[in-house]
């Protein structure tokens, strides 16, 4: 493969690569930096690619290693990240003012329940151990095979399966206890509350999502609701969705709050 062919292929998968890095870092700036480093390292070493894996696997491996190096220095977020960030938002008058300005001026600020479900997963998944988080994203969202995930993370298929099982069960447990859309005793009402603020005329959307999620929750397959969340994530590009300006604003808020929160915990 010559440099032109490599560049063309890289551009094809760049969107997926960028969203993958964002879902690991929760930072637009860090994502841009790691994406640039990935390009420089991959393109500079493209001649060394021997076809022992797919080119996509090889490039994702480079991005994963760079992301791991970056995240090893940082603490994982707590499971109740949405509660902490919500409380901080209520104390910050500028947060909702900025959000309303985005809605007023951007065509990419259409609040949708399904997009907030993806956003919520992005934040809460950062409470998982790093290896579990990576395996979950690579297998469930970006649809790499077990052997490919093992190659990307330089580990064994058996360990990938273990991390996947553990990560799935933990996320199912967290959402079963927290999500008020599917559980009357769930403590997280954020989707409903934000829909009321940013999308007050479209409550039907919220009800449709509740019906769909309840249907999966009632399935004999305990993983069905989790799989629905994964399908929602697959369908949404956090940089090119109908609500990406609004959601990236929320994400930046959460990132700043978490950095301050973890710093104070030290």
C-alpha atoms as a PDB file:
ATOM      1  CA  UNK A   1       0.000   0.000   0.000  1.00  0.00           C
ATOM      2  CA  UNK A   2       1.459   3.338  -1.035  1.00  0.00           C
ATOM      3  CA  UNK A   3       1.075   6.575   0.948  1.00  0.00           C
ATOM      4  CA  UNK A   4      -1.860   7.812  -1.144  1.00  0.00           C
ATOM      5  CA  UNK A   5      -3.797   4.579  -0.611  1.00  0.00           C
ATOM      6  CA  UNK A   6      -3.012   4.662   3.097  1.00  0.00           C
ATOM      7  CA  UNK A   7      -4.163   8.276   3.412  1.00  0.00           C
ATOM      8  CA  UNK A   8      -7.386   7.506   1.560  1.00  0.00           C
ATOM      9  CA  UNK A   9      -8.172   4.572   3.838  1.00  0.00           C
ATOM     10  CA  UNK A  10      -7.314   6.524   6.963  1.00  0.00           C
ATOM     11  CA  UNK A  11      -9.802   9.217   5.961  1.00  0.00           C
ATOM     12  CA  UNK A  12     -12.487   6.538   5.586  1.00  0.00           C
ATOM     13  CA  UNK A  13     -12.159   5.377   9.190  1.00  0.00           C
ATOM     14  CA  UNK A  14     -11.162   8.718  10.735  1.00  0.00           C
ATOM     15  CA  UNK A  15     -14.699   9.438  11.964  1.00  0.00           C
ATOM     16  CA  UNK A  16     -14.935   6.135  13.827  1.00  0.00           C
ATOM     17  CA  UNK A  17     -11.451   6.580  15.220  1.00  0.00           C
ATOM     18  CA  UNK A  18     -12.240  10.068  16.460  1.00  0.00           C
ATOM     19  CA  UNK A  19     -15.481   9.042  18.173  1.00  0.00           C
ATOM     20  CA  UNK A  20     -13.696   6.063  19.780  1.00  0.00           C
ATOM     21  CA  UNK A  21     -11.019   8.296  21.279  1.00  0.00           C
ATOM     22  CA  UNK A  22     -13.616  10.788  22.530  1.00  0.00           C
ATOM     23  CA  UNK A  23     -15.579   8.021  24.228  1.00  0.00           C
ATOM     24  CA  UNK A  24     -12.393   7.050  26.039  1.00  0.00           C
ATOM     25  CA  UNK A  25     -11.109  10.500  26.978  1.00  0.00           C
ATOM     26  CA  UNK A  26     -14.331  12.569  27.256  1.00  0.00           C
ATOM     27  CA  UNK A  27     -12.265  15.509  26.026  1.00  0.00           C
ATOM     28  CA  UNK A  28     -12.476  17.114  22.595  1.00  0.00           C
ATOM     29  CA  UNK A  29      -9.013  18.637  22.915  1.00  0.00           C
ATOM     30  CA  UNK A  30      -7.402  15.381  24.043  1.00  0.00           C
ATOM     31  CA  UNK A  31      -9.195  13.606  21.210  1.00  0.00           C
ATOM     32  CA  UNK A  32      -7.800  16.007  18.624  1.00  0.00           C
ATOM     33  CA  UNK A  33      -4.284  15.652  20.049  1.00  0.00           C
ATOM     34  CA  UNK A  34      -4.369  11.842  20.154  1.00  0.00           C
ATOM     35  CA  UNK A  35      -5.934  11.688  16.698  1.00  0.00           C
ATOM     36  CA  UNK A  36      -3.114  13.824  15.313  1.00  0.00           C
ATOM     37  CA  UNK A  37      -0.497  11.679  17.064  1.00  0.00           C
ATOM     38  CA  UNK A  38      -2.178   8.555  15.674  1.00  0.00           C
ATOM     39  CA  UNK A  39      -1.977   9.931  12.140  1.00  0.00           C
ATOM     40  CA  UNK A  40       1.661  10.900  12.506  1.00  0.00           C
ATOM     41  CA  UNK A  41       2.665   7.526  13.944  1.00  0.00           C
ATOM     42  CA  UNK A  42       0.549   5.454  11.552  1.00  0.00           C
ATOM     43  CA  UNK A  43       1.476   7.327   8.392  1.00  0.00           C
ATOM     44  CA  UNK A  44       5.130   7.457   9.391  1.00  0.00           C
ATOM     45  CA  UNK A  45       5.194   3.692   9.864  1.00  0.00           C
ATOM     46  CA  UNK A  46       2.773   2.615   7.142  1.00  0.00           C
ATOM     47  CA  UNK A  47       5.571   0.890   5.249  1.00  0.00           C
ATOM     48  CA  UNK A  48       6.046  -1.444   8.230  1.00  0.00           C
ATOM     49  CA  UNK A  49       2.450  -2.735   8.022  1.00  0.00           C
ATOM     50  CA  UNK A  50       2.720  -6.404   7.008  1.00  0.00           C
ATOM     51  CA  UNK A  51      -0.930  -7.396   6.826  1.00  0.00           C
ATOM     52  CA  UNK A  52      -0.839  -9.616   9.915  1.00  0.00           C
ATOM     53  CA  UNK A  53      -4.117  -7.943  10.883  1.00  0.00           C
ATOM     54  CA  UNK A  54      -6.526  -5.676   9.034  1.00  0.00           C
ATOM     55  CA  UNK A  55      -5.295  -2.143   8.471  1.00  0.00           C
ATOM     56  CA  UNK A  56      -8.192  -0.860  10.583  1.00  0.00           C
ATOM     57  CA  UNK A  57      -7.123  -3.084  13.475  1.00  0.00           C
ATOM     58  CA  UNK A  58      -3.529  -1.864  13.137  1.00  0.00           C
ATOM     59  CA  UNK A  59      -4.555   1.816  13.187  1.00  0.00           C
ATOM     60  CA  UNK A  60      -6.938   1.332  16.114  1.00  0.00           C
ATOM     61  CA  UNK A  61      -4.117  -0.417  17.960  1.00  0.00           C
ATOM     62  CA  UNK A  62      -1.921   2.666  17.580  1.00  0.00           C
ATOM     63  CA  UNK A  63      -4.740   4.951  18.747  1.00  0.00           C
ATOM     64  CA  UNK A  64      -5.527   2.659  21.680  1.00  0.00           C
ATOM     65  CA  UNK A  65      -1.929   2.577  22.892  1.00  0.00           C
ATOM     66  CA  UNK A  66      -1.689   6.370  22.730  1.00  0.00           C
ATOM     67  CA  UNK A  67      -4.999   6.719  24.567  1.00  0.00           C
ATOM     68  CA  UNK A  68      -3.980   4.200  27.230  1.00  0.00           C
ATOM     69  CA  UNK A  69      -0.722   6.070  27.842  1.00  0.00           C
ATOM     70  CA  UNK A  70      -2.733   9.269  28.255  1.00  0.00           C
ATOM     71  CA  UNK A  71      -5.396   7.779  30.545  1.00  0.00           C
ATOM     72  CA  UNK A  72      -3.022   5.827  32.787  1.00  0.00           C
ATOM     73  CA  UNK A  73      -2.173   9.162  34.398  1.00  0.00           C
ATOM     74  CA  UNK A  74      -5.795   9.928  35.218  1.00  0.00           C
ATOM     75  CA  UNK A  75      -8.235   8.554  37.762  1.00  0.00           C
ATOM     76  CA  UNK A  76     -11.427   6.837  36.645  1.00  0.00           C
ATOM     77  CA  UNK A  77     -14.708   8.665  37.156  1.00  0.00           C
ATOM     78  CA  UNK A  78     -17.193   7.586  39.860  1.00  0.00           C
ATOM     79  CA  UNK A  79     -20.429   5.770  38.987  1.00  0.00           C
ATOM     80  CA  UNK A  80     -22.503   8.738  40.173  1.00  0.00           C
ATOM     81  CA  UNK A  81     -20.811  11.142  37.758  1.00  0.00           C
ATOM     82  CA  UNK A  82     -24.167  12.393  36.434  1.00  0.00           C
ATOM     83  CA  UNK A  83     -25.331  13.358  39.936  1.00  0.00           C
ATOM     84  CA  UNK A  84     -22.111  15.219  40.681  1.00  0.00           C
ATOM     85  CA  UNK A  85     -22.169  17.071  37.360  1.00  0.00           C
ATOM     86  CA  UNK A  86     -25.865  17.901  37.654  1.00  0.00           C
ATOM     87  CA  UNK A  87     -25.322  19.467  41.085  1.00  0.00           C
ATOM     88  CA  UNK A  88     -22.405  21.479  39.723  1.00  0.00           C
ATOM     89  CA  UNK A  89     -24.500  22.653  36.761  1.00  0.00           C
ATOM     90  CA  UNK A  90     -27.249  23.914  39.073  1.00  0.00           C
ATOM     91  CA  UNK A  91     -24.668  26.038  40.878  1.00  0.00           C
ATOM     92  CA  UNK A  92     -23.247  27.413  37.640  1.00  0.00           C
ATOM     93  CA  UNK A  93     -25.491  30.071  36.113  1.00  0.00           C
ATOM     94  CA  UNK A  94     -23.420  30.166  32.933  1.00  0.00           C
ATOM     95  CA  UNK A  95     -23.910  26.478  32.123  1.00  0.00           C
ATOM     96  CA  UNK A  96     -27.572  26.647  31.120  1.00  0.00           C
ATOM     97  CA  UNK A  97     -27.197  30.137  29.689  1.00  0.00           C
ATOM     98  CA  UNK A  98     -24.476  28.874  27.340  1.00  0.00           C
ATOM     99  CA  UNK A  99     -26.559  25.815  26.465  1.00  0.00           C
ATOM    100  CA  UNK A 100     -29.576  27.955  25.567  1.00  0.00           C
ATOM    101  CA  UNK A 101     -27.383  30.161  23.376  1.00  0.00           C
ATOM    102  CA  UNK A 102     -26.163  27.058  21.547  1.00  0.00           C
ATOM    103  CA  UNK A 103     -29.750  25.940  20.984  1.00  0.00           C
ATOM    104  CA  UNK A 104     -30.681  29.379  19.689  1.00  0.00           C
ATOM    105  CA  UNK A 105     -27.804  29.704  17.233  1.00  0.00           C
ATOM    106  CA  UNK A 106     -26.843  26.160  16.182  1.00  0.00           C
ATOM    107  CA  UNK A 107     -28.711  23.772  13.922  1.00  0.00           C
ATOM    108  CA  UNK A 108     -26.903  20.930  15.709  1.00  0.00           C
ATOM    109  CA  UNK A 109     -28.451  21.376  19.126  1.00  0.00           C
ATOM    110  CA  UNK A 110     -31.628  19.319  18.884  1.00  0.00           C
ATOM    111  CA  UNK A 111     -31.951  17.655  22.255  1.00  0.00           C
ATOM    112  CA  UNK A 112     -33.002  14.026  21.825  1.00  0.00           C
ATOM    113  CA  UNK A 113     -33.466  11.407  24.520  1.00  0.00           C
ATOM    114  CA  UNK A 114     -31.587   8.782  22.496  1.00  0.00           C
ATOM    115  CA  UNK A 115     -28.584  11.071  22.155  1.00  0.00           C
ATOM    116  CA  UNK A 116     -28.558  11.776  25.862  1.00  0.00           C
ATOM    117  CA  UNK A 117     -28.678   8.025  26.537  1.00  0.00           C
ATOM    118  CA  UNK A 118     -25.492   7.720  24.486  1.00  0.00           C
ATOM    119  CA  UNK A 119     -23.992  10.692  26.331  1.00  0.00           C
ATOM    120  CA  UNK A 120     -24.896   9.205  29.718  1.00  0.00           C
ATOM    121  CA  UNK A 121     -23.263   5.910  28.755  1.00  0.00           C
ATOM    122  CA  UNK A 122     -20.115   7.751  27.657  1.00  0.00           C
ATOM    123  CA  UNK A 123     -19.726   9.333  31.100  1.00  0.00           C
ATOM    124  CA  UNK A 124     -20.722   6.381  33.280  1.00  0.00           C
ATOM    125  CA  UNK A 125     -18.569   3.914  31.309  1.00  0.00           C
ATOM    126  CA  UNK A 126     -15.541   5.922  32.459  1.00  0.00           C
ATOM    127  CA  UNK A 127     -16.094   4.415  35.902  1.00  0.00           C
ATOM    128  CA  UNK A 128     -15.060   1.008  34.532  1.00  0.00           C
ATOM    129  CA  UNK A 129     -11.463  -0.175  34.805  1.00  0.00           C
ATOM    130  CA  UNK A 130      -9.615   0.988  31.706  1.00  0.00           C
ATOM    131  CA  UNK A 131      -9.206  -2.476  30.147  1.00  0.00           C
ATOM    132  CA  UNK A 132     -12.929  -3.205  30.529  1.00  0.00           C
ATOM    133  CA  UNK A 133     -13.851   0.140  29.001  1.00  0.00           C
ATOM    134  CA  UNK A 134     -11.633  -0.431  25.974  1.00  0.00           C
ATOM    135  CA  UNK A 135     -12.900  -3.972  25.365  1.00  0.00           C
ATOM    136  CA  UNK A 136     -16.511  -2.839  25.656  1.00  0.00           C
ATOM    137  CA  UNK A 137     -16.132  -0.059  23.111  1.00  0.00           C
ATOM    138  CA  UNK A 138     -14.059  -2.046  20.629  1.00  0.00           C
ATOM    139  CA  UNK A 139     -16.324  -5.113  20.644  1.00  0.00           C
ATOM    140  CA  UNK A 140     -19.802  -3.721  21.254  1.00  0.00           C
ATOM    141  CA  UNK A 141     -19.669  -0.342  19.504  1.00  0.00           C
ATOM    142  CA  UNK A 142     -16.975  -0.659  16.840  1.00  0.00           C
ATOM    143  CA  UNK A 143     -17.699  -4.353  16.213  1.00  0.00           C
ATOM    144  CA  UNK A 144     -14.198  -5.763  16.231  1.00  0.00           C
ATOM    145  CA  UNK A 145     -13.994  -9.520  16.708  1.00  0.00           C
ATOM    146  CA  UNK A 146     -12.606 -10.953  19.942  1.00  0.00           C
ATOM    147  CA  UNK A 147      -9.298 -11.863  18.303  1.00  0.00           C
ATOM    148  CA  UNK A 148      -9.002  -8.373  16.827  1.00  0.00           C
ATOM    149  CA  UNK A 149      -9.649  -6.745  20.204  1.00  0.00           C
ATOM    150  CA  UNK A 150      -6.977  -8.989  21.721  1.00  0.00           C
ATOM    151  CA  UNK A 151      -4.524  -7.898  19.029  1.00  0.00           C
ATOM    152  CA  UNK A 152      -5.368  -4.217  19.489  1.00  0.00           C
ATOM    153  CA  UNK A 153      -4.839  -4.426  23.249  1.00  0.00           C
ATOM    154  CA  UNK A 154      -1.933  -6.878  23.091  1.00  0.00           C
ATOM    155  CA  UNK A 155      -3.682  -9.425  25.292  1.00  0.00           C
ATOM    156  CA  UNK A 156      -5.374 -12.827  24.974  1.00  0.00           C
ATOM    157  CA  UNK A 157      -8.870 -13.601  23.627  1.00  0.00           C
ATOM    158  CA  UNK A 158      -9.701 -15.259  26.961  1.00  0.00           C
ATOM    159  CA  UNK A 159      -8.877 -12.080  28.864  1.00  0.00           C
ATOM    160  CA  UNK A 160     -10.889  -9.981  26.394  1.00  0.00           C
ATOM    161  CA  UNK A 161     -13.915 -12.227  26.996  1.00  0.00           C
ATOM    162  CA  UNK A 162     -13.468 -11.843  30.750  1.00  0.00           C
ATOM    163  CA  UNK A 163     -13.243  -8.044  30.526  1.00  0.00           C
ATOM    164  CA  UNK A 164     -16.293  -7.928  28.244  1.00  0.00           C
ATOM    165  CA  UNK A 165     -18.418 -10.054  30.553  1.00  0.00           C
ATOM    166  CA  UNK A 166     -17.397  -8.101  33.633  1.00  0.00           C
ATOM    167  CA  UNK A 167     -17.928  -4.738  31.937  1.00  0.00           C
ATOM    168  CA  UNK A 168     -21.360  -5.685  30.585  1.00  0.00           C
ATOM    169  CA  UNK A 169     -22.569  -6.967  33.950  1.00  0.00           C
ATOM    170  CA  UNK A 170     -21.304  -3.878  35.768  1.00  0.00           C
ATOM    171  CA  UNK A 171     -22.946  -1.460  33.337  1.00  0.00           C
ATOM    172  CA  UNK A 172     -26.207  -3.408  33.426  1.00  0.00           C
ATOM    173  CA  UNK A 173     -26.119  -3.209  37.227  1.00  0.00           C
ATOM    174  CA  UNK A 174     -25.429   0.539  37.245  1.00  0.00           C
ATOM    175  CA  UNK A 175     -28.200   1.406  34.784  1.00  0.00           C
ATOM    176  CA  UNK A 176     -30.704  -0.953  36.399  1.00  0.00           C
ATOM    177  CA  UNK A 177     -30.285   0.961  39.651  1.00  0.00           C
ATOM    178  CA  UNK A 178     -30.020   4.448  38.162  1.00  0.00           C
ATOM    179  CA  UNK A 179     -32.083   4.875  35.010  1.00  0.00           C
ATOM    180  CA  UNK A 180     -35.519   6.298  35.792  1.00  0.00           C
ATOM    181  CA  UNK A 181     -36.643   5.719  32.194  1.00  0.00           C
ATOM    182  CA  UNK A 182     -36.885   1.991  32.884  1.00  0.00           C
ATOM    183  CA  UNK A 183     -37.047   1.739  36.659  1.00  0.00           C
ATOM    184  CA  UNK A 184     -39.527   3.669  38.782  1.00  0.00           C
ATOM    185  CA  UNK A 185     -37.050   3.585  41.647  1.00  0.00           C
ATOM    186  CA  UNK A 186     -34.169   4.767  39.458  1.00  0.00           C
ATOM    187  CA  UNK A 187     -32.473   7.811  40.913  1.00  0.00           C
ATOM    188  CA  UNK A 188     -31.309   9.422  37.648  1.00  0.00           C
ATOM    189  CA  UNK A 189     -34.027  11.629  36.124  1.00  0.00           C
ATOM    190  CA  UNK A 190     -31.571  13.567  34.003  1.00  0.00           C
ATOM    191  CA  UNK A 191     -32.986  12.549  30.612  1.00  0.00           C
ATOM    192  CA  UNK A 192     -36.477  13.655  31.640  1.00  0.00           C
ATOM    193  CA  UNK A 193     -35.282  16.860  33.259  1.00  0.00           C
ATOM    194  CA  UNK A 194     -33.094  17.925  30.347  1.00  0.00           C
ATOM    195  CA  UNK A 195     -35.844  17.049  27.888  1.00  0.00           C
ATOM    196  CA  UNK A 196     -38.150  19.372  29.837  1.00  0.00           C
ATOM    197  CA  UNK A 197     -35.586  22.202  29.652  1.00  0.00           C
ATOM    198  CA  UNK A 198     -34.284  21.852  26.107  1.00  0.00           C
ATOM    199  CA  UNK A 199     -37.076  20.009  24.317  1.00  0.00           C
ATOM    200  CA  UNK A 200     -40.349  20.870  26.132  1.00  0.00           C
ATOM    201  CA  UNK A 201     -42.608  20.385  23.109  1.00  0.00           C
ATOM    202  CA  UNK A 202     -41.433  16.880  22.296  1.00  0.00           C
ATOM    203  CA  UNK A 203     -42.390  14.790  25.296  1.00  0.00           C
ATOM    204  CA  UNK A 204     -43.665  12.139  22.894  1.00  0.00           C
ATOM    205  CA  UNK A 205     -40.050  11.332  22.114  1.00  0.00           C
ATOM    206  CA  UNK A 206     -39.414  10.577  25.753  1.00  0.00           C
ATOM    207  CA  UNK A 207     -42.472   8.321  25.977  1.00  0.00           C
ATOM    208  CA  UNK A 208     -41.512   6.388  22.837  1.00  0.00           C
ATOM    209  CA  UNK A 209     -38.057   5.745  24.239  1.00  0.00           C
ATOM    210  CA  UNK A 210     -39.538   4.611  27.548  1.00  0.00           C
ATOM    211  CA  UNK A 211     -41.806   2.142  25.737  1.00  0.00           C
ATOM    212  CA  UNK A 212     -38.917   0.775  23.701  1.00  0.00           C
ATOM    213  CA  UNK A 213     -36.674   0.419  26.738  1.00  0.00           C
ATOM    214  CA  UNK A 214     -39.410  -1.171  28.846  1.00  0.00           C
ATOM    215  CA  UNK A 215     -40.016  -3.703  26.067  1.00  0.00           C
ATOM    216  CA  UNK A 216     -36.364  -4.717  26.142  1.00  0.00           C
ATOM    217  CA  UNK A 217     -36.285  -4.678  29.936  1.00  0.00           C
ATOM    218  CA  UNK A 218     -39.123  -7.198  29.969  1.00  0.00           C
ATOM    219  CA  UNK A 219     -37.311  -9.551  27.626  1.00  0.00           C
ATOM    220  CA  UNK A 220     -36.303 -12.977  28.869  1.00  0.00           C
ATOM    221  CA  UNK A 221     -32.772 -12.044  27.813  1.00  0.00           C
ATOM    222  CA  UNK A 222     -31.248 -10.047  30.682  1.00  0.00           C
ATOM    223  CA  UNK A 223     -28.817  -8.377  28.298  1.00  0.00           C
ATOM    224  CA  UNK A 224     -31.487  -7.113  25.879  1.00  0.00           C
ATOM    225  CA  UNK A 225     -31.713  -3.630  27.380  1.00  0.00           C
ATOM    226  CA  UNK A 226     -27.952  -3.280  27.409  1.00  0.00           C
ATOM    227  CA  UNK A 227     -27.853  -4.317  23.756  1.00  0.00           C
ATOM    228  CA  UNK A 228     -30.426  -1.623  22.968  1.00  0.00           C
ATOM    229  CA  UNK A 229     -28.147   0.981  24.526  1.00  0.00           C
ATOM    230  CA  UNK A 230     -25.299  -0.341  22.391  1.00  0.00           C
ATOM    231  CA  UNK A 231     -27.431   0.013  19.261  1.00  0.00           C
ATOM    232  CA  UNK A 232     -28.178   3.614  20.227  1.00  0.00           C
ATOM    233  CA  UNK A 233     -24.447   4.326  20.585  1.00  0.00           C
ATOM    234  CA  UNK A 234     -23.628   2.703  17.239  1.00  0.00           C
ATOM    235  CA  UNK A 235     -26.098   4.965  15.473  1.00  0.00           C
ATOM    236  CA  UNK A 236     -24.727   8.205  16.935  1.00  0.00           C
ATOM    237  CA  UNK A 237     -21.530   9.993  15.971  1.00  0.00           C
ATOM    238  CA  UNK A 238     -20.813  12.404  18.848  1.00  0.00           C
ATOM    239  CA  UNK A 239     -19.151  14.828  16.418  1.00  0.00           C
ATOM    240  CA  UNK A 240     -21.808  14.733  13.698  1.00  0.00           C
ATOM    241  CA  UNK A 241     -25.162  14.096  15.338  1.00  0.00           C
ATOM    242  CA  UNK A 242     -28.247  16.301  15.346  1.00  0.00           C
ATOM    243  CA  UNK A 243     -27.282  17.466  18.830  1.00  0.00           C
ATOM    244  CA  UNK A 244     -23.502  17.369  18.828  1.00  0.00           C
ATOM    245  CA  UNK A 245     -22.984  21.057  19.670  1.00  0.00           C
ATOM    246  CA  UNK A 246     -25.205  20.756  22.722  1.00  0.00           C
ATOM    247  CA  UNK A 247     -23.874  17.386  23.836  1.00  0.00           C
ATOM    248  CA  UNK A 248     -20.224  18.402  23.465  1.00  0.00           C
ATOM    249  CA  UNK A 249     -20.998  21.453  25.597  1.00  0.00           C
ATOM    250  CA  UNK A 250     -22.436  19.153  28.285  1.00  0.00           C
ATOM    251  CA  UNK A 251     -19.425  16.845  27.984  1.00  0.00           C
ATOM    252  CA  UNK A 252     -16.940  19.667  28.446  1.00  0.00           C
ATOM    253  CA  UNK A 253     -18.836  20.718  31.569  1.00  0.00           C
ATOM    254  CA  UNK A 254     -18.681  17.163  32.939  1.00  0.00           C
ATOM    255  CA  UNK A 255     -14.982  16.860  32.156  1.00  0.00           C
ATOM    256  CA  UNK A 256     -14.133  20.078  34.031  1.00  0.00           C
ATOM    257  CA  UNK A 257     -16.309  19.103  36.987  1.00  0.00           C
ATOM    258  CA  UNK A 258     -14.753  15.636  37.206  1.00  0.00           C
ATOM    259  CA  UNK A 259     -11.204  16.971  37.046  1.00  0.00           C
ATOM    260  CA  UNK A 260     -11.942  19.347  39.917  1.00  0.00           C
ATOM    261  CA  UNK A 261     -13.840  16.696  41.879  1.00  0.00           C
ATOM    262  CA  UNK A 262     -11.034  14.126  41.616  1.00  0.00           C
ATOM    263  CA  UNK A 263      -8.432  16.750  42.420  1.00  0.00           C
ATOM    264  CA  UNK A 264     -10.262  17.624  45.645  1.00  0.00           C
ATOM    265  CA  UNK A 265     -10.504  13.916  46.505  1.00  0.00           C
ATOM    266  CA  UNK A 266      -6.715  13.552  46.465  1.00  0.00           C
END
